[in-house]
């Protein structure tokens, strides 16, 4: 399994390739607001598939769709973080610490 920083670098390369493609097509490159809107769309798709999973007779197919949307959401979050120069790994670890502390206090 790749480390988070390695995954982030790969996500950044894909982001740059999309920017190049958009330039060649004469389209505007996406920035943080567009990536955030894309994340909302991906999250909506994820919610639909998760809600449908329990009722689905095609669990394997639905599971594949859920995995894909989770990965899309992660890529979109990485793109927003890259655009805004946010250390996503650091913020995630800080949030985990906060959640762990909060749960410890509840015990």
PDB file of N, CA and C in Angstrom:
ATOM      1  N   UNK A   1       0.858  -1.181   0.000  1.00  0.00           N
ATOM      2  CA  UNK A   1       0.000   0.000   0.000  1.00  0.00           C
ATOM      3  C   UNK A   1       0.896   1.233   0.000  1.00  0.00           C
ATOM      4  N   UNK A   2       0.576   2.163  -0.842  1.00  0.00           N
ATOM      5  CA  UNK A   2       1.356   3.394  -0.961  1.00  0.00           C
ATOM      6  C   UNK A   2       1.112   4.309   0.237  1.00  0.00           C
ATOM      7  N   UNK A   3       2.118   5.095   0.553  1.00  0.00           N
ATOM      8  CA  UNK A   3       1.969   6.084   1.609  1.00  0.00           C
ATOM      9  C   UNK A   3       1.109   7.240   1.118  1.00  0.00           C
ATOM     10  N   UNK A   4       0.553   7.971   2.063  1.00  0.00           N
ATOM     11  CA  UNK A   4      -0.361   9.059   1.725  1.00  0.00           C
ATOM     12  C   UNK A   4       0.298  10.095   0.819  1.00  0.00           C
ATOM     13  N   UNK A   5       1.540  10.487   1.128  1.00  0.00           N
ATOM     14  CA  UNK A   5       2.240  11.495   0.330  1.00  0.00           C
ATOM     15  C   UNK A   5       2.431  11.022  -1.110  1.00  0.00           C
ATOM     16  N   UNK A   6       2.686   9.740  -1.305  1.00  0.00           N
ATOM     17  CA  UNK A   6       2.834   9.176  -2.649  1.00  0.00           C
ATOM     18  C   UNK A   6       1.511   9.245  -3.393  1.00  0.00           C
ATOM     19  N   UNK A   7       0.431   8.922  -2.709  1.00  0.00           N
ATOM     20  CA  UNK A   7      -0.899   8.996  -3.322  1.00  0.00           C
ATOM     21  C   UNK A   7      -1.238  10.438  -3.693  1.00  0.00           C
ATOM     22  N   UNK A   8      -0.886  11.364  -2.832  1.00  0.00           N
ATOM     23  CA  UNK A   8      -1.147  12.778  -3.085  1.00  0.00           C
ATOM     24  C   UNK A   8      -0.379  13.267  -4.313  1.00  0.00           C
ATOM     25  N   UNK A   9       0.865  12.821  -4.456  1.00  0.00           N
ATOM     26  CA  UNK A   9       1.663  13.191  -5.639  1.00  0.00           C
ATOM     27  C   UNK A   9       1.013  12.656  -6.916  1.00  0.00           C
ATOM     28  N   UNK A  10       0.531  11.430  -6.869  1.00  0.00           N
ATOM     29  CA  UNK A  10      -0.152  10.848  -8.037  1.00  0.00           C
ATOM     30  C   UNK A  10      -1.422  11.616  -8.354  1.00  0.00           C
ATOM     31  N   UNK A  11      -2.163  11.987  -7.311  1.00  0.00           N
ATOM     32  CA  UNK A  11      -3.391  12.772  -7.508  1.00  0.00           C
ATOM     33  C   UNK A  11      -3.053  14.113  -8.138  1.00  0.00           C
ATOM     34  N   UNK A  12      -1.941  14.704  -7.715  1.00  0.00           N
ATOM     35  CA  UNK A  12      -1.525  15.993  -8.266  1.00  0.00           C
ATOM     36  C   UNK A  12      -1.170  15.860  -9.752  1.00  0.00           C
ATOM     37  N   UNK A  13      -0.505  14.778 -10.120  1.00  0.00           N
ATOM     38  CA  UNK A  13      -0.171  14.550 -11.528  1.00  0.00           C
ATOM     39  C   UNK A  13      -1.434  14.414 -12.378  1.00  0.00           C
ATOM     40  N   UNK A  14      -2.412  13.697 -11.867  1.00  0.00           N
ATOM     41  CA  UNK A  14      -3.681  13.549 -12.589  1.00  0.00           C
ATOM     42  C   UNK A  14      -4.364  14.906 -12.720  1.00  0.00           C
ATOM     43  N   UNK A  15      -4.330  15.688 -11.653  1.00  0.00           N
ATOM     44  CA  UNK A  15      -4.924  17.025 -11.673  1.00  0.00           C
ATOM     45  C   UNK A  15      -4.268  17.883 -12.749  1.00  0.00           C
ATOM     46  N   UNK A  16      -2.950  17.845 -12.827  1.00  0.00           N
ATOM     47  CA  UNK A  16      -2.233  18.617 -13.847  1.00  0.00           C
ATOM     48  C   UNK A  16      -2.580  18.140 -15.259  1.00  0.00           C
ATOM     49  N   UNK A  17      -2.739  16.829 -15.423  1.00  0.00           N
ATOM     50  CA  UNK A  17      -3.110  16.298 -16.740  1.00  0.00           C
ATOM     51  C   UNK A  17      -4.504  16.776 -17.152  1.00  0.00           C
ATOM     52  N   UNK A  18      -5.415  16.827 -16.191  1.00  0.00           N
ATOM     53  CA  UNK A  18      -6.750  17.368 -16.485  1.00  0.00           C
ATOM     54  C   UNK A  18      -6.650  18.845 -16.877  1.00  0.00           C
ATOM     55  N   UNK A  19      -5.800  19.588 -16.186  1.00  0.00           N
ATOM     56  CA  UNK A  19      -5.621  21.003 -16.518  1.00  0.00           C
ATOM     57  C   UNK A  19      -5.090  21.161 -17.942  1.00  0.00           C
ATOM     58  N   UNK A  20      -4.120  20.331 -18.314  1.00  0.00           N
ATOM     59  CA  UNK A  20      -3.574  20.364 -19.680  1.00  0.00           C
ATOM     60  C   UNK A  20      -4.650  20.018 -20.701  1.00  0.00           C
ATOM     61  N   UNK A  21      -5.420  18.994 -20.424  1.00  0.00           N
ATOM     62  CA  UNK A  21      -6.492  18.579 -21.321  1.00  0.00           C
ATOM     63  C   UNK A  21      -7.516  19.704 -21.500  1.00  0.00           C
ATOM     64  N   UNK A  22      -7.906  20.326 -20.413  1.00  0.00           N
ATOM     65  CA  UNK A  22      -8.869  21.429 -20.480  1.00  0.00           C
ATOM     66  C   UNK A  22      -8.313  22.599 -21.296  1.00  0.00           C
ATOM     67  N   UNK A  23      -7.019  22.891 -21.119  1.00  0.00           N
ATOM     68  CA  UNK A  23      -6.392  23.962 -21.898  1.00  0.00           C
ATOM     69  C   UNK A  23      -6.430  23.651 -23.390  1.00  0.00           C
ATOM     70  N   UNK A  24      -6.083  22.419 -23.736  1.00  0.00           N
ATOM     71  CA  UNK A  24      -6.090  22.016 -25.159  1.00  0.00           C
ATOM     72  C   UNK A  24      -7.488  22.101 -25.759  1.00  0.00           C
ATOM     73  N   UNK A  25      -8.492  21.817 -24.945  1.00  0.00           N
ATOM     74  CA  UNK A  25      -9.878  21.870 -25.411  1.00  0.00           C
ATOM     75  C   UNK A  25     -10.451  23.285 -25.352  1.00  0.00           C
ATOM     76  N   UNK A  26      -9.668  24.224 -24.829  1.00  0.00           N
ATOM     77  CA  UNK A  26     -10.146  25.598 -24.696  1.00  0.00           C
ATOM     78  C   UNK A  26     -11.116  25.784 -23.540  1.00  0.00           C
ATOM     79  N   UNK A  27     -11.087  24.862 -22.593  1.00  0.00           N
ATOM     80  CA  UNK A  27     -11.981  24.940 -21.432  1.00  0.00           C
ATOM     81  C   UNK A  27     -11.236  25.515 -20.238  1.00  0.00           C
ATOM     82  N   UNK A  28     -11.975  26.040 -19.312  1.00  0.00           N
ATOM     83  CA  UNK A  28     -11.399  26.608 -18.096  1.00  0.00           C
ATOM     84  C   UNK A  28     -10.956  25.466 -17.184  1.00  0.00           C
ATOM     85  N   UNK A  29      -9.784  25.630 -16.588  1.00  0.00           N
ATOM     86  CA  UNK A  29      -9.303  24.633 -15.625  1.00  0.00           C
ATOM     87  C   UNK A  29     -10.076  24.755 -14.323  1.00  0.00           C
ATOM     88  N   UNK A  30     -10.293  23.621 -13.698  1.00  0.00           N
ATOM     89  CA  UNK A  30     -10.988  23.620 -12.425  1.00  0.00           C
ATOM     90  C   UNK A  30     -10.071  24.146 -11.336  1.00  0.00           C
ATOM     91  N   UNK A  31     -10.679  24.775 -10.350  1.00  0.00           N
ATOM     92  CA  UNK A  31      -9.989  25.237  -9.154  1.00  0.00           C
ATOM     93  C   UNK A  31     -10.761  24.683  -7.954  1.00  0.00           C
ATOM     94  N   UNK A  32     -10.410  25.126  -6.762  1.00  0.00           N
ATOM     95  CA  UNK A  32     -11.005  24.569  -5.534  1.00  0.00           C
ATOM     96  C   UNK A  32     -12.535  24.541  -5.561  1.00  0.00           C
ATOM     97  N   UNK A  33     -13.213  25.631  -5.978  1.00  0.00           N
ATOM     98  CA  UNK A  33     -14.686  25.573  -5.966  1.00  0.00           C
ATOM     99  C   UNK A  33     -15.258  24.484  -6.880  1.00  0.00           C
ATOM    100  N   UNK A  34     -14.665  24.319  -8.043  1.00  0.00           N
ATOM    101  CA  UNK A  34     -15.163  23.292  -8.975  1.00  0.00           C
ATOM    102  C   UNK A  34     -14.881  21.884  -8.455  1.00  0.00           C
ATOM    103  N   UNK A  35     -13.683  21.706  -7.877  1.00  0.00           N
ATOM    104  CA  UNK A  35     -13.382  20.389  -7.289  1.00  0.00           C
ATOM    105  C   UNK A  35     -14.314  20.093  -6.114  1.00  0.00           C
ATOM    106  N   UNK A  36     -14.624  21.111  -5.320  1.00  0.00           N
ATOM    107  CA  UNK A  36     -15.548  20.924  -4.190  1.00  0.00           C
ATOM    108  C   UNK A  36     -16.944  20.569  -4.695  1.00  0.00           C
ATOM    109  N   UNK A  37     -17.373  21.217  -5.787  1.00  0.00           N
ATOM    110  CA  UNK A  37     -18.675  20.874  -6.374  1.00  0.00           C
ATOM    111  C   UNK A  37     -18.657  19.446  -6.911  1.00  0.00           C
ATOM    112  N   UNK A  38     -17.541  19.048  -7.519  1.00  0.00           N
ATOM    113  CA  UNK A  38     -17.404  17.670  -7.981  1.00  0.00           C
ATOM    114  C   UNK A  38     -17.490  16.689  -6.826  1.00  0.00           C
ATOM    115  N   UNK A  39     -16.889  17.062  -5.699  1.00  0.00           N
ATOM    116  CA  UNK A  39     -16.945  16.220  -4.499  1.00  0.00           C
ATOM    117  C   UNK A  39     -18.384  16.031  -4.047  1.00  0.00           C
ATOM    118  N   UNK A  40     -19.159  17.090  -4.083  1.00  0.00           N
ATOM    119  CA  UNK A  40     -20.570  16.993  -3.682  1.00  0.00           C
ATOM    120  C   UNK A  40     -21.313  16.011  -4.597  1.00  0.00           C
ATOM    121  N   UNK A  41     -21.038  16.096  -5.897  1.00  0.00           N
ATOM    122  CA  UNK A  41     -21.674  15.166  -6.833  1.00  0.00           C
ATOM    123  C   UNK A  41     -21.256  13.728  -6.577  1.00  0.00           C
ATOM    124  N   UNK A  42     -19.957  13.529  -6.325  1.00  0.00           N
ATOM    125  CA  UNK A  42     -19.457  12.184  -6.020  1.00  0.00           C
ATOM    126  C   UNK A  42     -20.061  11.658  -4.724  1.00  0.00           C
ATOM    127  N   UNK A  43     -20.164  12.534  -3.724  1.00  0.00           N
ATOM    128  CA  UNK A  43     -20.753  12.126  -2.438  1.00  0.00           C
ATOM    129  C   UNK A  43     -22.228  11.763  -2.610  1.00  0.00           C
ATOM    130  N   UNK A  44     -22.928  12.505  -3.463  1.00  0.00           N
ATOM    131  CA  UNK A  44     -24.340  12.191  -3.719  1.00  0.00           C
ATOM    132  C   UNK A  44     -24.467  10.816  -4.367  1.00  0.00           C
ATOM    133  N   UNK A  45     -23.586  10.529  -5.330  1.00  0.00           N
ATOM    134  CA  UNK A  45     -23.598   9.201  -5.958  1.00  0.00           C
ATOM    135  C   UNK A  45     -23.293   8.123  -4.926  1.00  0.00           C
ATOM    136  N   UNK A  46     -22.319   8.385  -4.069  1.00  0.00           N
ATOM    137  CA  UNK A  46     -21.959   7.429  -3.019  1.00  0.00           C
ATOM    138  C   UNK A  46     -23.154   7.141  -2.120  1.00  0.00           C
ATOM    139  N   UNK A  47     -23.851   8.179  -1.712  1.00  0.00           N
ATOM    140  CA  UNK A  47     -25.021   8.008  -0.845  1.00  0.00           C
ATOM    141  C   UNK A  47     -26.076   7.145  -1.528  1.00  0.00           C
ATOM    142  N   UNK A  48     -26.336   7.414  -2.808  1.00  0.00           N
ATOM    143  CA  UNK A  48     -27.332   6.615  -3.540  1.00  0.00           C
ATOM    144  C   UNK A  48     -26.959   5.140  -3.543  1.00  0.00           C
ATOM    145  N   UNK A  49     -25.694   4.855  -3.816  1.00  0.00           N
ATOM    146  CA  UNK A  49     -25.262   3.460  -3.897  1.00  0.00           C
ATOM    147  C   UNK A  49     -25.260   2.782  -2.530  1.00  0.00           C
ATOM    148  N   UNK A  50     -24.860   3.505  -1.496  1.00  0.00           N
ATOM    149  CA  UNK A  50     -24.864   2.926  -0.153  1.00  0.00           C
ATOM    150  C   UNK A  50     -26.293   2.624   0.293  1.00  0.00           C
ATOM    151  N   UNK A  51     -27.208   3.553   0.026  1.00  0.00           N
ATOM    152  CA  UNK A  51     -28.609   3.323   0.394  1.00  0.00           C
ATOM    153  C   UNK A  51     -29.218   2.165  -0.399  1.00  0.00           C
ATOM    154  N   UNK A  52     -28.813   2.021  -1.656  1.00  0.00           N
ATOM    155  CA  UNK A  52     -29.357   0.961  -2.507  1.00  0.00           C
ATOM    156  C   UNK A  52     -28.721  -0.400  -2.225  1.00  0.00           C
ATOM    157  N   UNK A  53     -27.564  -0.405  -1.591  1.00  0.00           N
ATOM    158  CA  UNK A  53     -26.806  -1.639  -1.385  1.00  0.00           C
ATOM    159  C   UNK A  53     -27.608  -2.713  -0.660  1.00  0.00           C
ATOM    160  N   UNK A  54     -28.258  -2.325   0.409  1.00  0.00           N
ATOM    161  CA  UNK A  54     -28.989  -3.300   1.237  1.00  0.00           C
ATOM    162  C   UNK A  54     -30.095  -4.000   0.437  1.00  0.00           C
ATOM    163  N   UNK A  55     -30.748  -3.256  -0.448  1.00  0.00           N
ATOM    164  CA  UNK A  55     -31.863  -3.807  -1.224  1.00  0.00           C
ATOM    165  C   UNK A  55     -31.410  -4.498  -2.517  1.00  0.00           C
ATOM    166  N   UNK A  56     -30.163  -4.275  -2.880  1.00  0.00           N
ATOM    167  CA  UNK A  56     -29.671  -4.760  -4.163  1.00  0.00           C
ATOM    168  C   UNK A  56     -29.488  -6.277  -4.179  1.00  0.00           C
ATOM    169  N   UNK A  57     -29.843  -6.852  -5.300  1.00  0.00           N
ATOM    170  CA  UNK A  57     -29.607  -8.280  -5.501  1.00  0.00           C
ATOM    171  C   UNK A  57     -28.243  -8.494  -6.158  1.00  0.00           C
ATOM    172  N   UNK A  58     -27.645  -7.406  -6.631  1.00  0.00           N
ATOM    173  CA  UNK A  58     -26.339  -7.464  -7.295  1.00  0.00           C
ATOM    174  C   UNK A  58     -25.294  -6.812  -6.388  1.00  0.00           C
ATOM    175  N   UNK A  59     -24.994  -7.464  -5.272  1.00  0.00           N
ATOM    176  CA  UNK A  59     -24.090  -6.903  -4.268  1.00  0.00           C
ATOM    177  C   UNK A  59     -22.696  -6.628  -4.841  1.00  0.00           C
ATOM    178  N   UNK A  60     -22.188  -7.538  -5.659  1.00  0.00           N
ATOM    179  CA  UNK A  60     -20.842  -7.344  -6.215  1.00  0.00           C
ATOM    180  C   UNK A  60     -20.774  -6.089  -7.078  1.00  0.00           C
ATOM    181  N   UNK A  61     -21.764  -5.903  -7.911  1.00  0.00           N
ATOM    182  CA  UNK A  61     -21.812  -4.734  -8.794  1.00  0.00           C
ATOM    183  C   UNK A  61     -21.956  -3.446  -7.975  1.00  0.00           C
ATOM    184  N   UNK A  62     -22.821  -3.484  -6.976  1.00  0.00           N
ATOM    185  CA  UNK A  62     -23.043  -2.316  -6.137  1.00  0.00           C
ATOM    186  C   UNK A  62     -21.791  -2.005  -5.310  1.00  0.00           C
ATOM    187  N   UNK A  63     -21.126  -3.036  -4.828  1.00  0.00           N
ATOM    188  CA  UNK A  63     -19.894  -2.866  -4.060  1.00  0.00           C
ATOM    189  C   UNK A  63     -18.824  -2.181  -4.927  1.00  0.00           C
ATOM    190  N   UNK A  64     -18.742  -2.568  -6.172  1.00  0.00           N
ATOM    191  CA  UNK A  64     -17.785  -1.959  -7.102  1.00  0.00           C
ATOM    192  C   UNK A  64     -18.090  -0.470  -7.287  1.00  0.00           C
ATOM    193  N   UNK A  65     -19.365  -0.124  -7.421  1.00  0.00           N
ATOM    194  CA  UNK A  65     -19.764   1.277  -7.574  1.00  0.00           C
ATOM    195  C   UNK A  65     -19.428   2.079  -6.326  1.00  0.00           C
ATOM    196  N   UNK A  66     -19.653   1.496  -5.163  1.00  0.00           N
ATOM    197  CA  UNK A  66     -19.357   2.175  -3.893  1.00  0.00           C
ATOM    198  C   UNK A  66     -17.854   2.422  -3.773  1.00  0.00           C
ATOM    199  N   UNK A  67     -17.047   1.417  -4.074  1.00  0.00           N
ATOM    200  CA  UNK A  67     -15.587   1.577  -4.015  1.00  0.00           C
ATOM    201  C   UNK A  67     -15.126   2.686  -4.955  1.00  0.00           C
ATOM    202  N   UNK A  68     -15.701   2.714  -6.159  1.00  0.00           N
ATOM    203  CA  UNK A  68     -15.341   3.740  -7.141  1.00  0.00           C
ATOM    204  C   UNK A  68     -15.687   5.140  -6.627  1.00  0.00           C
ATOM    205  N   UNK A  69     -16.871   5.315  -6.086  1.00  0.00           N
ATOM    206  CA  UNK A  69     -17.287   6.637  -5.596  1.00  0.00           C
ATOM    207  C   UNK A  69     -16.471   7.077  -4.383  1.00  0.00           C
ATOM    208  N   UNK A  70     -16.126   6.137  -3.506  1.00  0.00           N
ATOM    209  CA  UNK A  70     -15.254   6.480  -2.379  1.00  0.00           C
ATOM    210  C   UNK A  70     -13.917   7.014  -2.896  1.00  0.00           C
ATOM    211  N   UNK A  71     -13.366   6.339  -3.907  1.00  0.00           N
ATOM    212  CA  UNK A  71     -12.092   6.774  -4.488  1.00  0.00           C
ATOM    213  C   UNK A  71     -12.246   8.129  -5.183  1.00  0.00           C
ATOM    214  N   UNK A  72     -13.357   8.352  -5.876  1.00  0.00           N
ATOM    215  CA  UNK A  72     -13.615   9.650  -6.498  1.00  0.00           C
ATOM    216  C   UNK A  72     -13.667  10.756  -5.444  1.00  0.00           C
ATOM    217  N   UNK A  73     -14.336  10.469  -4.328  1.00  0.00           N
ATOM    218  CA  UNK A  73     -14.435  11.463  -3.247  1.00  0.00           C
ATOM    219  C   UNK A  73     -13.048  11.785  -2.689  1.00  0.00           C
ATOM    220  N   UNK A  74     -12.241  10.764  -2.495  1.00  0.00           N
ATOM    221  CA  UNK A  74     -10.900  10.979  -1.969  1.00  0.00           C
ATOM    222  C   UNK A  74     -10.075  11.825  -2.931  1.00  0.00           C
ATOM    223  N   UNK A  75     -10.155  11.521  -4.228  1.00  0.00           N
ATOM    224  CA  UNK A  75      -9.404  12.299  -5.215  1.00  0.00           C
ATOM    225  C   UNK A  75      -9.872  13.757  -5.222  1.00  0.00           C
ATOM    226  N   UNK A  76     -11.171  13.973  -5.162  1.00  0.00           N
ATOM    227  CA  UNK A  76     -11.706  15.337  -5.138  1.00  0.00           C
ATOM    228  C   UNK A  76     -11.224  16.093  -3.906  1.00  0.00           C
ATOM    229  N   UNK A  77     -11.190  15.419  -2.753  1.00  0.00           N
ATOM    230  CA  UNK A  77     -10.698  16.062  -1.535  1.00  0.00           C
ATOM    231  C   UNK A  77      -9.225  16.416  -1.669  1.00  0.00           C
ATOM    232  N   UNK A  78      -8.465  15.523  -2.269  1.00  0.00           N
ATOM    233  CA  UNK A  78      -7.046  15.793  -2.489  1.00  0.00           C
ATOM    234  C   UNK A  78      -6.871  16.992  -3.425  1.00  0.00           C
ATOM    235  N   UNK A  79      -7.676  17.061  -4.468  1.00  0.00           N
ATOM    236  CA  UNK A  79      -7.591  18.171  -5.417  1.00  0.00           C
ATOM    237  C   UNK A  79      -7.896  19.499  -4.738  1.00  0.00           C
ATOM    238  N   UNK A  80      -8.913  19.530  -3.883  1.00  0.00           N
ATOM    239  CA  UNK A  80      -9.243  20.758  -3.142  1.00  0.00           C
ATOM    240  C   UNK A  80      -8.066  21.128  -2.238  1.00  0.00           C
ATOM    241  N   UNK A  81      -7.529  20.157  -1.516  1.00  0.00           N
ATOM    242  CA  UNK A  81      -6.399  20.424  -0.616  1.00  0.00           C
ATOM    243  C   UNK A  81      -5.195  20.951  -1.388  1.00  0.00           C
ATOM    244  N   UNK A  82      -4.911  20.365  -2.539  1.00  0.00           N
ATOM    245  CA  UNK A  82      -3.797  20.836  -3.360  1.00  0.00           C
ATOM    246  C   UNK A  82      -4.019  22.266  -3.826  1.00  0.00           C
ATOM    247  N   UNK A  83      -5.225  22.568  -4.253  1.00  0.00           N
ATOM    248  CA  UNK A  83      -5.545  23.918  -4.724  1.00  0.00           C
ATOM    249  C   UNK A  83      -5.387  24.959  -3.616  1.00  0.00           C
ATOM    250  N   UNK A  84      -5.745  24.584  -2.401  1.00  0.00           N
ATOM    251  CA  UNK A  84      -5.723  25.525  -1.283  1.00  0.00           C
ATOM    252  C   UNK A  84      -4.459  25.402  -0.436  1.00  0.00           C
ATOM    253  N   UNK A  85      -3.518  24.560  -0.897  1.00  0.00           N
ATOM    254  CA  UNK A  85      -2.245  24.354  -0.208  1.00  0.00           C
ATOM    255  C   UNK A  85      -2.452  23.930   1.246  1.00  0.00           C
ATOM    256  N   UNK A  86      -3.324  22.948   1.414  1.00  0.00           N
ATOM    257  CA  UNK A  86      -3.628  22.402   2.738  1.00  0.00           C
ATOM    258  C   UNK A  86      -2.951  21.045   2.858  1.00  0.00           C
ATOM    259  N   UNK A  87      -2.281  20.810   3.966  1.00  0.00           N
ATOM    260  CA  UNK A  87      -1.640  19.530   4.236  1.00  0.00           C
ATOM    261  C   UNK A  87      -2.729  18.581   4.739  1.00  0.00           C
ATOM    262  N   UNK A  88      -3.334  17.854   3.810  1.00  0.00           N
ATOM    263  CA  UNK A  88      -4.476  17.008   4.128  1.00  0.00           C
ATOM    264  C   UNK A  88      -4.112  15.891   5.104  1.00  0.00           C
ATOM    265  N   UNK A  89      -2.940  15.318   4.934  1.00  0.00           N
ATOM    266  CA  UNK A  89      -2.508  14.260   5.849  1.00  0.00           C
ATOM    267  C   UNK A  89      -2.409  14.793   7.279  1.00  0.00           C
ATOM    268  N   UNK A  90      -1.794  15.946   7.429  1.00  0.00           N
ATOM    269  CA  UNK A  90      -1.655  16.571   8.753  1.00  0.00           C
ATOM    270  C   UNK A  90      -3.021  16.856   9.358  1.00  0.00           C
ATOM    271  N   UNK A  91      -3.920  17.437   8.567  1.00  0.00           N
ATOM    272  CA  UNK A  91      -5.254  17.768   9.072  1.00  0.00           C
ATOM    273  C   UNK A  91      -6.050  16.516   9.428  1.00  0.00           C
ATOM    274  N   UNK A  92      -5.887  15.465   8.642  1.00  0.00           N
ATOM    275  CA  UNK A  92      -6.580  14.206   8.936  1.00  0.00           C
ATOM    276  C   UNK A  92      -6.083  13.634  10.265  1.00  0.00           C
ATOM    277  N   UNK A  93      -4.764  13.640  10.457  1.00  0.00           N
ATOM    278  CA  UNK A  93      -4.203  13.120  11.707  1.00  0.00           C
ATOM    279  C   UNK A  93      -4.636  13.956  12.909  1.00  0.00           C
ATOM    280  N   UNK A  94      -4.671  15.276  12.731  1.00  0.00           N
ATOM    281  CA  UNK A  94      -5.164  16.148  13.808  1.00  0.00           C
ATOM    282  C   UNK A  94      -6.623  15.840  14.133  1.00  0.00           C
ATOM    283  N   UNK A  95      -7.411  15.595  13.099  1.00  0.00           N
ATOM    284  CA  UNK A  95      -8.824  15.281  13.320  1.00  0.00           C
ATOM    285  C   UNK A  95      -8.984  13.935  14.023  1.00  0.00           C
ATOM    286  N   UNK A  96      -8.157  12.953  13.649  1.00  0.00           N
ATOM    287  CA  UNK A  96      -8.213  11.664  14.344  1.00  0.00           C
ATOM    288  C   UNK A  96      -7.889  11.831  15.823  1.00  0.00           C
ATOM    289  N   UNK A  97      -6.878  12.636  16.123  1.00  0.00           N
ATOM    290  CA  UNK A  97      -6.526  12.900  17.519  1.00  0.00           C
ATOM    291  C   UNK A  97      -7.702  13.537  18.255  1.00  0.00           C
ATOM    292  N   UNK A  98      -8.339  14.506  17.607  1.00  0.00           N
ATOM    293  CA  UNK A  98      -9.494  15.172  18.212  1.00  0.00           C
ATOM    294  C   UNK A  98     -10.614  14.165  18.498  1.00  0.00           C
ATOM    295  N   UNK A  99     -10.915  13.319  17.517  1.00  0.00           N
ATOM    296  CA  UNK A  99     -11.988  12.337  17.686  1.00  0.00           C
ATOM    297  C   UNK A  99     -11.646  11.322  18.771  1.00  0.00           C
ATOM    298  N   UNK A 100     -10.393  10.865  18.789  1.00  0.00           N
ATOM    299  CA  UNK A 100      -9.966   9.918  19.823  1.00  0.00           C
ATOM    300  C   UNK A 100     -10.082  10.534  21.211  1.00  0.00           C
ATOM    301  N   UNK A 101      -9.661  11.788  21.326  1.00  0.00           N
ATOM    302  CA  UNK A 101      -9.753  12.497  22.615  1.00  0.00           C
ATOM    303  C   UNK A 101     -11.208  12.644  23.043  1.00  0.00           C
ATOM    304  N   UNK A 102     -12.046  13.022  22.084  1.00  0.00           N
ATOM    305  CA  UNK A 102     -13.468  13.186  22.375  1.00  0.00           C
ATOM    306  C   UNK A 102     -14.083  11.877  22.855  1.00  0.00           C
ATOM    307  N   UNK A 103     -13.730  10.774  22.212  1.00  0.00           N
ATOM    308  CA  UNK A 103     -14.264   9.468  22.618  1.00  0.00           C
ATOM    309  C   UNK A 103     -13.718   9.035  23.972  1.00  0.00           C
ATOM    310  N   UNK A 104     -12.472   9.362  24.246  1.00  0.00           N
ATOM    311  CA  UNK A 104     -11.880   9.033  25.536  1.00  0.00           C
ATOM    312  C   UNK A 104     -12.596   9.770  26.652  1.00  0.00           C
ATOM    313  N   UNK A 105     -12.939  11.016  26.398  1.00  0.00           N
ATOM    314  CA  UNK A 105     -13.665  11.816  27.390  1.00  0.00           C
ATOM    315  C   UNK A 105     -15.063  11.266  27.658  1.00  0.00           C
ATOM    316  N   UNK A 106     -15.638  10.589  26.674  1.00  0.00           N
ATOM    317  CA  UNK A 106     -16.996  10.050  26.801  1.00  0.00           C
ATOM    318  C   UNK A 106     -17.030   8.753  27.610  1.00  0.00           C
ATOM    319  N   UNK A 107     -15.871   8.123  27.776  1.00  0.00           N
ATOM    320  CA  UNK A 107     -15.825   6.831  28.501  1.00  0.00           C
ATOM    321  C   UNK A 107     -16.035   6.996  29.960  1.00  0.00           C
TER     322      UNK A 107
END
